[in-house]
Protein backbone atom coordinates (compact mmCIF):
# COMPACT_ATOMS: atom_id res chain seq x y z
CA MET A 1 36.88 -2.64 -23.52
CA ASN A 2 33.59 -2.21 -25.42
CA GLN A 3 33.43 -5.90 -26.24
CA GLY A 4 34.00 -6.81 -22.59
CA ASN A 5 31.22 -4.51 -21.45
CA LYS A 6 28.91 -5.93 -24.10
CA THR A 7 29.55 -9.48 -22.90
CA GLN A 8 29.01 -8.50 -19.29
CA THR A 9 25.70 -6.77 -20.11
CA TRP A 10 24.55 -9.77 -22.16
CA MET A 11 25.23 -12.20 -19.36
CA SER A 12 23.43 -9.96 -16.86
CA ASP A 13 20.14 -10.83 -18.63
CA PHE A 14 18.38 -14.15 -19.10
CA ILE A 15 16.16 -15.26 -21.97
CA LEU A 16 13.03 -17.21 -21.03
CA LEU A 17 11.87 -19.65 -23.72
CA GLY A 18 8.33 -19.64 -22.36
CA LEU A 19 5.57 -22.08 -23.26
CA SER A 20 5.59 -21.71 -27.04
CA SER A 21 7.42 -19.95 -29.87
CA VAL A 22 4.41 -19.99 -32.24
CA TRP A 23 2.81 -16.53 -32.45
CA GLY A 24 -0.76 -17.80 -32.76
CA THR A 25 -0.30 -20.04 -29.73
CA GLN A 26 1.22 -17.15 -27.78
CA ILE A 27 -1.84 -14.96 -28.48
CA PHE A 28 -4.13 -17.76 -27.30
CA LEU A 29 -2.03 -18.24 -24.16
CA PHE A 30 -2.05 -14.49 -23.53
CA VAL A 31 -5.85 -14.37 -23.54
CA LEU A 32 -6.11 -17.53 -21.43
CA ILE A 33 -3.53 -16.47 -18.84
CA LEU A 34 -4.89 -12.92 -18.63
CA SER A 35 -8.39 -14.31 -17.99
CA MET A 36 -7.11 -16.68 -15.32
CA TYR A 37 -5.04 -13.95 -13.65
CA LEU A 38 -8.01 -11.53 -13.56
CA VAL A 39 -10.22 -14.23 -12.00
CA THR A 40 -7.43 -14.92 -9.48
CA VAL A 41 -7.10 -11.25 -8.51
CA VAL A 42 -10.85 -10.62 -8.28
CA GLY A 43 -11.54 -13.87 -6.40
CA ASN A 44 -8.80 -13.52 -3.80
CA VAL A 45 -9.34 -9.79 -3.24
CA LEU A 46 -13.06 -10.46 -2.83
CA ILE A 47 -12.40 -13.18 -0.24
CA ILE A 48 -10.11 -10.85 1.73
CA LEU A 49 -12.63 -7.97 1.61
CA LEU A 50 -15.61 -10.15 2.60
CA ILE A 51 -13.74 -11.55 5.59
CA ARG A 52 -12.67 -8.05 6.57
CA LEU A 53 -16.14 -6.47 6.20
CA ASP A 54 -18.38 -9.19 7.68
CA SER A 55 -18.00 -9.63 11.44
CA ARG A 56 -19.50 -13.15 11.21
CA LEU A 57 -16.36 -14.21 9.37
CA HIS A 58 -13.99 -12.96 12.07
CA THR A 59 -13.05 -16.47 13.14
CA PRO A 60 -9.73 -18.39 13.04
CA MET A 61 -10.79 -20.40 9.99
CA TYR A 62 -11.50 -17.30 7.91
CA PHE A 63 -8.43 -15.53 9.24
CA PHE A 64 -6.27 -18.32 7.81
CA LEU A 65 -8.32 -18.23 4.60
CA SER A 66 -7.66 -14.50 4.17
CA VAL A 67 -3.93 -15.08 4.65
CA LEU A 68 -4.04 -17.92 2.12
CA SER A 69 -5.80 -15.63 -0.37
CA PHE A 70 -3.12 -12.98 0.15
CA VAL A 71 -0.33 -15.53 -0.38
CA ASP A 72 -2.03 -16.86 -3.54
CA LEU A 73 -2.40 -13.32 -4.85
CA CYS A 74 1.29 -12.56 -4.27
CA TYR A 75 2.37 -15.88 -5.77
CA SER A 76 0.38 -15.38 -8.95
CA THR A 77 1.45 -11.72 -9.26
CA SER A 78 5.12 -12.65 -9.00
CA ILE A 79 4.83 -14.64 -12.24
CA ALA A 80 1.71 -13.88 -14.31
CA PRO A 81 2.35 -10.21 -15.30
CA GLN A 82 5.84 -11.02 -16.56
CA MET A 83 4.43 -13.98 -18.52
CA LEU A 84 1.84 -11.74 -20.16
CA VAL A 85 4.47 -9.19 -21.19
CA HIS A 86 6.74 -11.89 -22.63
CA LEU A 87 3.92 -13.49 -24.62
CA LEU A 88 3.61 -10.25 -26.61
CA SER A 89 7.34 -9.50 -26.76
CA THR A 90 9.87 -10.48 -29.38
CA ARG A 91 12.77 -10.65 -26.92
CA LYS A 92 11.71 -12.45 -23.75
CA SER A 93 14.48 -11.19 -21.46
CA ILE A 94 14.61 -10.73 -17.70
CA SER A 95 17.39 -9.05 -15.75
CA PHE A 96 19.56 -11.00 -13.34
CA TYR A 97 18.20 -9.23 -10.25
CA SER A 98 14.60 -9.51 -11.44
CA CYS A 99 15.18 -13.24 -11.91
CA VAL A 100 16.60 -13.56 -8.40
CA PHE A 101 13.67 -11.62 -6.92
CA GLN A 102 11.11 -13.62 -8.87
CA LEU A 103 12.57 -16.94 -7.75
CA TYR A 104 12.77 -15.76 -4.14
CA ILE A 105 9.16 -14.51 -3.97
CA SER A 106 7.64 -17.49 -5.77
CA LEU A 107 9.50 -19.98 -3.55
CA ALA A 108 8.57 -18.02 -0.42
CA MET A 109 4.89 -17.86 -1.33
CA GLY A 110 4.80 -21.53 -2.35
CA GLY A 111 6.47 -22.71 0.86
CA SER A 112 4.30 -20.45 3.02
CA GLU A 113 1.16 -21.82 1.37
CA PHE A 114 2.05 -25.43 2.20
CA PHE A 115 2.61 -24.58 5.85
CA LEU A 116 -0.58 -22.50 5.93
CA LEU A 117 -2.54 -25.50 4.67
CA GLY A 118 -1.04 -27.48 7.55
CA ALA A 119 -2.09 -24.79 10.05
CA MET A 120 -5.59 -24.74 8.55
CA ALA A 121 -5.81 -28.52 8.94
CA TYR A 122 -4.94 -28.14 12.65
CA ASP A 123 -7.65 -25.47 12.93
CA ARG A 124 -10.22 -27.86 11.45
CA TYR A 125 -9.05 -30.61 13.82
CA VAL A 126 -9.68 -28.38 16.84
CA ALA A 127 -13.06 -27.27 15.44
CA VAL A 128 -14.30 -30.84 14.94
CA CYS A 129 -12.62 -32.67 17.83
CA HIS A 130 -12.77 -29.93 20.49
CA PRO A 131 -15.72 -27.73 19.47
CA LEU A 132 -16.49 -26.51 23.01
CA HIS A 133 -12.94 -25.25 23.52
CA TYR A 134 -12.37 -24.10 19.94
CA MET A 135 -12.21 -20.34 20.57
CA VAL A 136 -10.12 -20.87 23.70
CA ILE A 137 -7.53 -23.02 21.92
CA MET A 138 -7.50 -21.10 18.63
CA HIS A 139 -7.11 -17.68 20.23
CA THR A 140 -5.82 -14.65 18.37
CA GLY A 141 -2.27 -15.03 19.67
CA LEU A 142 -1.99 -18.62 18.47
CA CYS A 143 -3.41 -17.77 15.03
CA LEU A 144 -0.94 -14.90 14.60
CA SER A 145 1.94 -17.07 15.83
CA LEU A 146 1.06 -19.92 13.46
CA THR A 147 0.78 -17.50 10.53
CA ALA A 148 4.10 -15.86 11.41
CA CYS A 149 5.79 -19.26 11.64
CA CYS A 150 4.38 -20.29 8.24
CA LEU A 151 5.61 -17.08 6.58
CA VAL A 152 9.02 -17.05 8.30
CA THR A 153 9.61 -20.71 7.41
CA GLY A 154 8.57 -20.12 3.80
CA PHE A 155 10.78 -17.03 3.38
CA THR A 156 13.76 -18.62 5.17
CA ASN A 157 13.61 -21.75 3.03
CA SER A 158 13.30 -19.58 -0.07
CA LEU A 159 16.31 -17.45 0.93
CA MET A 160 18.54 -20.50 1.39
CA GLU A 161 17.42 -22.10 -1.87
CA THR A 162 17.84 -18.83 -3.81
CA ILE A 163 21.37 -18.28 -2.44
CA ILE A 164 22.37 -21.87 -3.22
CA THR A 165 21.04 -21.47 -6.77
CA PHE A 166 22.57 -18.14 -7.74
CA ARG A 167 25.95 -18.57 -6.06
CA LEU A 168 26.90 -20.97 -8.88
CA PRO A 169 28.81 -19.71 -11.93
CA LEU A 170 26.36 -19.59 -14.84
CA CYS A 171 27.65 -20.24 -18.38
CA HIS A 172 24.40 -19.87 -20.29
CA HIS A 173 21.63 -17.29 -20.34
CA VAL A 174 18.71 -19.16 -21.98
CA ILE A 175 16.27 -20.59 -19.43
CA ASN A 176 13.96 -23.33 -20.69
CA HIS A 177 11.00 -22.07 -18.70
CA PHE A 178 8.48 -19.22 -18.54
CA THR A 179 9.76 -18.13 -15.12
CA CYS A 180 12.96 -18.26 -13.08
CA GLU A 181 12.39 -21.71 -11.61
CA THR A 182 15.10 -23.33 -9.48
CA LEU A 183 15.95 -26.43 -11.53
CA ALA A 184 15.71 -24.49 -14.80
CA VAL A 185 18.28 -21.95 -13.52
CA LEU A 186 20.54 -24.69 -12.13
CA ARG A 187 20.84 -26.16 -15.64
CA LEU A 188 22.70 -22.98 -16.68
CA ALA A 189 25.59 -23.72 -14.30
CA CYS A 190 29.12 -24.42 -15.53
CA VAL A 191 29.84 -26.87 -12.71
CA ASP A 192 28.39 -30.11 -11.36
CA ILE A 193 25.01 -29.44 -9.72
CA SER A 194 24.44 -32.81 -8.01
CA PHE A 195 24.76 -31.24 -4.55
CA ASN A 196 22.39 -28.41 -5.48
CA LYS A 197 19.81 -30.85 -6.84
CA ALA A 198 20.06 -32.87 -3.64
CA MET A 199 19.54 -29.72 -1.54
CA VAL A 200 16.55 -28.68 -3.65
CA ALA A 201 15.06 -32.16 -3.30
CA PHE A 202 15.63 -32.11 0.47
CA SER A 203 14.12 -28.63 0.75
CA GLY A 204 11.10 -29.70 -1.27
CA PHE A 205 10.71 -32.83 0.83
CA VAL A 206 10.70 -30.81 4.08
CA VAL A 207 8.35 -28.12 2.77
CA ILE A 208 5.93 -30.73 1.45
CA MET A 209 6.13 -33.55 3.98
CA LEU A 210 6.11 -31.59 7.25
CA PRO A 211 2.80 -29.83 6.49
CA CYS A 212 1.49 -33.00 4.83
CA SER A 213 2.20 -34.98 8.01
CA LEU A 214 0.26 -32.41 10.05
CA VAL A 215 -2.60 -32.60 7.55
CA LEU A 216 -2.69 -36.42 7.70
CA PHE A 217 -2.57 -36.40 11.51
CA SER A 218 -5.33 -33.77 11.75
CA TYR A 219 -7.65 -35.47 9.28
CA GLY A 220 -6.99 -38.87 10.81
CA LYS A 221 -8.28 -37.49 14.11
CA ILE A 222 -11.15 -35.75 12.31
CA VAL A 223 -12.27 -38.96 10.59
CA VAL A 224 -12.28 -40.82 13.91
CA ALA A 225 -14.28 -38.01 15.52
CA ILE A 226 -16.80 -37.87 12.65
CA LEU A 227 -17.33 -41.65 12.71
CA SER A 228 -18.11 -41.44 16.43
CA ILE A 229 -20.97 -39.01 15.75
CA ARG A 230 -24.22 -40.98 15.72
CA SER A 231 -26.53 -38.61 13.85
CA THR A 232 -26.26 -38.34 10.07
CA GLN A 233 -26.88 -34.60 10.26
CA GLY A 234 -24.05 -34.20 12.74
CA ARG A 235 -21.64 -36.13 10.52
CA SER A 236 -22.67 -34.07 7.50
CA LYS A 237 -22.12 -30.81 9.37
CA ALA A 238 -18.72 -31.91 10.68
CA PHE A 239 -17.59 -33.02 7.23
CA GLY A 240 -18.92 -29.80 5.69
CA THR A 241 -16.55 -27.71 7.82
CA CYS A 242 -13.58 -29.57 6.28
CA ALA A 243 -14.69 -30.30 2.71
CA SER A 244 -13.36 -27.12 1.08
CA HIS A 245 -10.01 -27.26 2.83
CA LEU A 246 -9.64 -30.97 2.09
CA THR A 247 -10.28 -30.29 -1.61
CA VAL A 248 -7.55 -27.63 -1.76
CA VAL A 249 -5.12 -29.79 0.25
CA SER A 250 -5.64 -32.82 -2.00
CA MET A 251 -5.12 -30.68 -5.09
CA CYS A 252 -1.93 -28.94 -3.89
CA PHE A 253 -0.19 -31.77 -2.06
CA GLY A 254 -1.18 -34.31 -4.71
CA ALA A 255 0.52 -32.32 -7.47
CA SER A 256 3.61 -31.70 -5.32
CA ILE A 257 4.08 -35.31 -4.25
CA PHE A 258 3.67 -36.48 -7.85
CA THR A 259 6.28 -33.95 -9.01
CA TYR A 260 8.95 -34.08 -6.31
CA LEU A 261 8.58 -37.62 -5.00
CA GLY A 262 7.57 -39.39 -8.19
CA PRO A 263 9.97 -40.87 -10.77
CA ARG A 264 11.82 -38.40 -12.99
CA SER A 265 11.15 -38.66 -16.71
CA ALA A 266 13.02 -37.48 -19.76
CA SER A 267 10.45 -34.72 -20.25
CA SER A 268 11.05 -33.33 -16.75
CA SER A 269 11.52 -29.76 -18.09
CA GLU A 270 8.04 -29.75 -19.61
CA GLN A 271 6.65 -31.35 -16.47
CA GLU A 272 8.23 -28.61 -14.36
CA LYS A 273 6.57 -25.99 -16.56
CA MET A 274 3.15 -27.58 -16.12
CA VAL A 275 3.52 -27.82 -12.35
CA ALA A 276 4.77 -24.22 -12.12
CA LEU A 277 1.80 -23.12 -14.24
CA PHE A 278 -0.54 -25.00 -11.92
CA TYR A 279 0.79 -23.32 -8.77
CA ALA A 280 1.15 -19.86 -10.33
CA LEU A 281 -2.24 -19.66 -12.05
CA VAL A 282 -4.58 -22.62 -11.61
CA ALA A 283 -4.41 -23.15 -7.82
CA PRO A 284 -4.66 -19.41 -6.88
CA MET A 285 -7.66 -19.13 -9.23
CA LEU A 286 -9.45 -22.25 -7.94
CA ASN A 287 -8.88 -21.72 -4.20
CA PRO A 288 -11.34 -18.79 -3.74
CA LEU A 289 -13.86 -20.51 -6.02
CA ILE A 290 -13.68 -23.72 -3.99
CA TYR A 291 -14.01 -21.93 -0.66
CA SER A 292 -16.80 -19.60 -1.79
CA LEU A 293 -18.94 -22.01 -3.80
CA ARG A 294 -18.91 -24.65 -1.05
CA ASN A 295 -19.28 -22.22 1.85
CA LYS A 296 -22.69 -20.85 2.81
CA GLU A 297 -21.21 -18.28 5.18
CA VAL A 298 -19.06 -16.74 2.45
CA ILE A 299 -22.01 -16.65 0.03
CA ALA A 300 -24.18 -15.05 2.75
CA ALA A 301 -21.49 -12.43 3.37
CA LEU A 302 -21.38 -11.68 -0.37
CA HIS A 303 -25.17 -11.27 -0.52
CA LYS A 304 -25.01 -8.94 2.46
CA VAL A 305 -22.39 -6.74 0.82
CA LEU A 306 -24.35 -6.66 -2.48
CA GLU A 307 -27.53 -5.65 -0.63
CA LYS A 308 -25.70 -2.78 1.05
CA ILE A 309 -24.38 -1.64 -2.34
CA ARG A 310 -27.93 -1.73 -3.80
CA GLU A 311 -29.32 0.25 -0.84
CA LYS A 312 -26.65 2.94 -1.24
CA GLY A 313 -27.20 3.00 -4.98
């Protein structure tokens, strides 16, 4: 009886191998990841607060940016704190239900972000190609509906993928990853996972290619519209409204297409770790920096808030 309970308790937990088993390397990674996570939290919270406090930023573009910052913050928080704890722990365990929740939230946030980038591309298309009707087309109802669709699609896709993953009988408890990632968990199964891999690939294809198609369509129209502008100043202004978003889109979709649509290599487990690290820490940290450093309106809003703080002080 005791032995049976012990086995059941053992199998209810997973062991995450993480990024390294060398203590010195783990300390270095702890400092690096903690720094990146703090920059991510401060940057995304600052973006959300600036958009909330400055009435000049109450436009569709900044509404989508605030939602993107919130999604990035949730995505990073679903993974980074647990990584930091494990880097300083001897036993890097995670409970079954925590693993399920982590996989569900990370997949939901990742899928929602791709669709949000597609919605933001459509917003830029309307701004450049139909500037006189921009506020009429991109009204509050449409922005809320697009955001809701992005989130519902992301969470629904995540729910299906999570159920498909954890309904399998699992024979092992050691996950070769620093987080509960889909393919890493599937490798613990006692049965053939060809169908599950196919479903994950199909899910990834839909989540990546549908928004990517909208992005390509939108920027195709934008390029045509910009080339039709005769003045150099007009072209520069039109391109400036899209530069930050295009940078983020290229970064996120480029990494995804390389990972999910590129050839699989023998070191796919390590590749999956690097991609997961990119989406959990690097992208959420860079997004607010890209949007703020390249955006005069955001910088102006920050200066305005700092001036108010100085006056009160």
